[in-house]
């Protein structure tokens, strides 16, 4: 389960600013022995929070 929010803003004719934030609360559904995760553990290698900003010209 997660939520993502993305926004863009055109500040001038040539410059577009963007931002993105995401929250991820994924859990293992059963065992994942190759990474040592058990049923109900947080999914390995999946970040809880991810934030990015971009500038497009």
C-alpha atoms as a PDB file:
ATOM      1  CA  UNK A   1       0.000   0.000   0.000  1.00  0.00           C
ATOM      2  CA  UNK A   2       1.268   3.461  -0.785  1.00  0.00           C
ATOM      3  CA  UNK A   3       0.575   7.028  -1.779  1.00  0.00           C
ATOM      4  CA  UNK A   4       2.225   9.222  -4.392  1.00  0.00           C
ATOM      5  CA  UNK A   5       1.959  12.948  -5.070  1.00  0.00           C
ATOM      6  CA  UNK A   6       3.374  14.633  -8.152  1.00  0.00           C
ATOM      7  CA  UNK A   7       3.321  18.303  -9.076  1.00  0.00           C
ATOM      8  CA  UNK A   8       4.658  20.490 -11.888  1.00  0.00           C
ATOM      9  CA  UNK A   9       4.895  24.247 -12.172  1.00  0.00           C
ATOM     10  CA  UNK A  10       5.723  26.198 -15.311  1.00  0.00           C
ATOM     11  CA  UNK A  11       7.550  29.221 -13.906  1.00  0.00           C
ATOM     12  CA  UNK A  12       8.595  30.684 -17.262  1.00  0.00           C
ATOM     13  CA  UNK A  13       8.076  29.817 -20.897  1.00  0.00           C
ATOM     14  CA  UNK A  14      11.303  27.774 -20.900  1.00  0.00           C
ATOM     15  CA  UNK A  15      11.473  26.455 -17.316  1.00  0.00           C
ATOM     16  CA  UNK A  16       9.279  23.775 -15.773  1.00  0.00           C
ATOM     17  CA  UNK A  17       9.824  22.692 -12.150  1.00  0.00           C
ATOM     18  CA  UNK A  18       8.542  19.385 -10.807  1.00  0.00           C
ATOM     19  CA  UNK A  19       8.439  17.533  -7.519  1.00  0.00           C
ATOM     20  CA  UNK A  20       7.414  14.035  -6.507  1.00  0.00           C
ATOM     21  CA  UNK A  21       6.996  12.393  -3.108  1.00  0.00           C
ATOM     22  CA  UNK A  22       5.929   8.790  -2.499  1.00  0.00           C
ATOM     23  CA  UNK A  23       5.225   6.696   0.603  1.00  0.00           C
ATOM     24  CA  UNK A  24       5.389   2.904   0.364  1.00  0.00           C
ATOM     25  CA  UNK A  25       4.333   0.506   3.130  1.00  0.00           C
ATOM     26  CA  UNK A  26       4.713  -2.815   1.333  1.00  0.00           C
ATOM     27  CA  UNK A  27       5.055  -6.048   3.273  1.00  0.00           C
ATOM     28  CA  UNK A  28       6.183  -9.506   2.233  1.00  0.00           C
ATOM     29  CA  UNK A  29       3.293 -11.821   1.441  1.00  0.00           C
ATOM     30  CA  UNK A  30       4.899 -15.117   2.406  1.00  0.00           C
ATOM     31  CA  UNK A  31       8.565 -15.921   2.823  1.00  0.00           C
ATOM     32  CA  UNK A  32      11.232 -14.523   0.505  1.00  0.00           C
ATOM     33  CA  UNK A  33      14.202 -16.730   1.439  1.00  0.00           C
ATOM     34  CA  UNK A  34      16.656 -15.204  -1.046  1.00  0.00           C
ATOM     35  CA  UNK A  35      16.645 -11.910   0.896  1.00  0.00           C
ATOM     36  CA  UNK A  36      15.744 -13.211   4.368  1.00  0.00           C
ATOM     37  CA  UNK A  37      12.234 -11.750   4.594  1.00  0.00           C
ATOM     38  CA  UNK A  38       9.421 -13.571   6.363  1.00  0.00           C
ATOM     39  CA  UNK A  39       5.654 -13.216   6.055  1.00  0.00           C
ATOM     40  CA  UNK A  40       4.600  -9.744   7.241  1.00  0.00           C
ATOM     41  CA  UNK A  41       8.108  -8.234   7.213  1.00  0.00           C
ATOM     42  CA  UNK A  42       8.666  -4.979   5.396  1.00  0.00           C
ATOM     43  CA  UNK A  43       9.568  -5.653   1.788  1.00  0.00           C
ATOM     44  CA  UNK A  44      13.361  -5.608   1.452  1.00  0.00           C
ATOM     45  CA  UNK A  45      15.030  -3.004  -0.763  1.00  0.00           C
ATOM     46  CA  UNK A  46      11.774  -1.000  -1.043  1.00  0.00           C
ATOM     47  CA  UNK A  47      12.113   2.486   0.485  1.00  0.00           C
ATOM     48  CA  UNK A  48       9.382   3.892   2.733  1.00  0.00           C
ATOM     49  CA  UNK A  49       9.844   7.400   1.376  1.00  0.00           C
ATOM     50  CA  UNK A  50      11.047   8.581  -2.019  1.00  0.00           C
ATOM     51  CA  UNK A  51      11.366  12.279  -2.926  1.00  0.00           C
ATOM     52  CA  UNK A  52      12.535  13.775  -6.216  1.00  0.00           C
ATOM     53  CA  UNK A  53      12.688  17.159  -7.854  1.00  0.00           C
ATOM     54  CA  UNK A  54      13.290  17.950 -11.508  1.00  0.00           C
ATOM     55  CA  UNK A  55      13.997  20.960 -13.660  1.00  0.00           C
ATOM     56  CA  UNK A  56      13.111  20.798 -17.341  1.00  0.00           C
ATOM     57  CA  UNK A  57      14.312  23.368 -19.839  1.00  0.00           C
END
